[in-house]
Protein backbone atom coordinates (compact mmCIF):
# COMPACT_ATOMS: atom_id res chain seq x y z
CA MET A 1 0.00 0.00 0.00
CA GLN A 2 1.36 3.39 -1.02
CA LYS A 3 0.85 6.50 1.07
CA LEU A 4 -0.53 9.53 -0.75
CA ILE A 5 0.51 13.05 0.19
CA SER A 6 -1.00 16.33 -0.91
CA THR A 7 0.84 18.38 -3.49
CA ARG A 8 1.10 21.05 -0.80
CA LYS A 9 3.14 18.59 1.28
CA THR A 10 5.23 17.81 -1.82
CA ARG A 11 6.05 21.50 -2.21
CA GLU A 12 7.06 21.65 1.46
CA LEU A 13 9.34 18.61 1.03
CA PHE A 14 11.07 20.41 -1.84
CA GLY A 15 11.94 23.30 0.45
CA GLY A 16 8.75 25.31 0.15
CA ILE A 17 8.64 25.75 -3.60
CA SER A 18 5.70 27.65 -5.06
CA ALA A 19 2.78 26.05 -6.86
CA MET A 20 4.12 27.58 -10.09
CA THR A 21 7.55 26.00 -9.58
CA GLU A 22 5.84 22.67 -8.90
CA TRP A 23 3.86 23.05 -12.13
CA ARG A 24 7.04 23.88 -14.06
CA ARG A 25 8.81 20.83 -12.66
CA ARG A 26 5.91 18.58 -13.63
CA ARG A 27 5.83 20.09 -17.11
CA ALA A 28 9.61 19.56 -17.45
CA GLY A 29 9.24 15.91 -16.40
CA LEU A 30 11.02 16.42 -13.07
CA LEU A 31 7.93 15.43 -11.05
CA PRO A 32 5.38 12.75 -11.94
CA PRO A 33 1.79 13.63 -12.85
CA VAL A 34 -0.53 14.16 -9.91
CA ILE A 35 -3.13 11.64 -8.84
CA LYS A 36 -6.55 13.30 -8.73
CA ILE A 37 -9.07 12.14 -6.16
CA ASN A 38 -12.30 14.08 -5.67
CA GLY A 39 -10.79 17.13 -7.32
CA ARG A 40 -7.72 17.17 -5.07
CA ASN A 41 -4.15 16.54 -6.21
CA PHE A 42 -1.90 13.97 -4.55
CA ASP A 43 1.52 12.39 -5.01
CA VAL A 44 2.79 8.98 -3.96
CA GLU A 45 5.12 9.58 -1.02
CA PRO A 46 7.79 6.95 -1.90
CA GLU A 47 8.01 8.34 -5.46
CA ILE A 48 8.63 11.85 -4.15
CA ALA A 49 11.16 10.53 -1.63
CA ASP A 50 13.08 8.81 -4.45
CA ILE A 51 13.13 12.01 -6.50
CA ILE A 52 14.35 14.06 -3.52
CA GLN A 53 17.03 11.46 -2.79
CA ALA A 54 18.27 11.67 -6.38
CA ALA A 55 18.37 15.47 -6.21
CA VAL A 56 20.25 15.44 -2.90
CA ALA A 57 22.76 13.00 -4.40
CA GLY A 58 23.44 15.60 -7.10
CA ALA A 59 21.75 13.85 -9.99
CA PRO A 60 21.44 16.09 -13.05
CA ASN A 61 17.95 16.99 -14.27
CA ALA A 62 18.27 14.46 -17.10
CA ASP A 63 18.73 11.65 -14.57
CA VAL A 64 15.82 12.90 -12.44
CA ALA A 65 13.65 13.04 -15.57
CA GLY A 66 14.67 9.43 -16.34
CA LEU A 67 13.63 8.41 -12.83
CA VAL A 68 10.27 10.16 -13.24
CA LYS A 69 9.78 8.39 -16.57
CA LYS A 70 10.34 5.03 -14.85
CA ILE A 71 7.86 5.99 -12.13
CA VAL A 72 5.22 6.85 -14.73
CA GLU A 73 5.88 3.60 -16.63
CA ALA A 74 5.48 1.64 -13.38
CA ARG A 75 2.15 3.35 -12.73
CA VAL A 76 0.94 2.52 -16.22
CA ALA A 77 2.05 -1.08 -15.80
CA GLY A 78 0.02 -1.28 -12.60
CA GLN A 79 3.02 -1.88 -10.38
CA ILE A 80 2.03 0.97 -8.08
CA GLN A 81 -1.37 0.76 -6.47
CA PRO A 82 -2.20 4.07 -4.72
CA THR A 83 -4.86 3.86 -2.04
C-alpha cells in the first residue's frame, strides 16, 4: 500500500517551492503527474522521496527526468497501487 501526500506537502518537502515552480517541474518531467481524487491533487510519497534522494545526491535533471519516466511507466504497468 502506497501513502498519498498532498501536493502542498510535496512543495514543502522540496523546500517550500511555489505552486508555479511545482507546475514547471511537472511540465519539465522532473515530477510525476498528480493523482486526482475528488478534485484534489496527490503524489505517492515513496516516489517523491526517491526524487528528492536523487536530487540530494546531485543527480542532473536528465537523470531525475529518467527516474520520473520510470515511475510513470510503473504506474501505467500497474506496479504501483495508490490507495
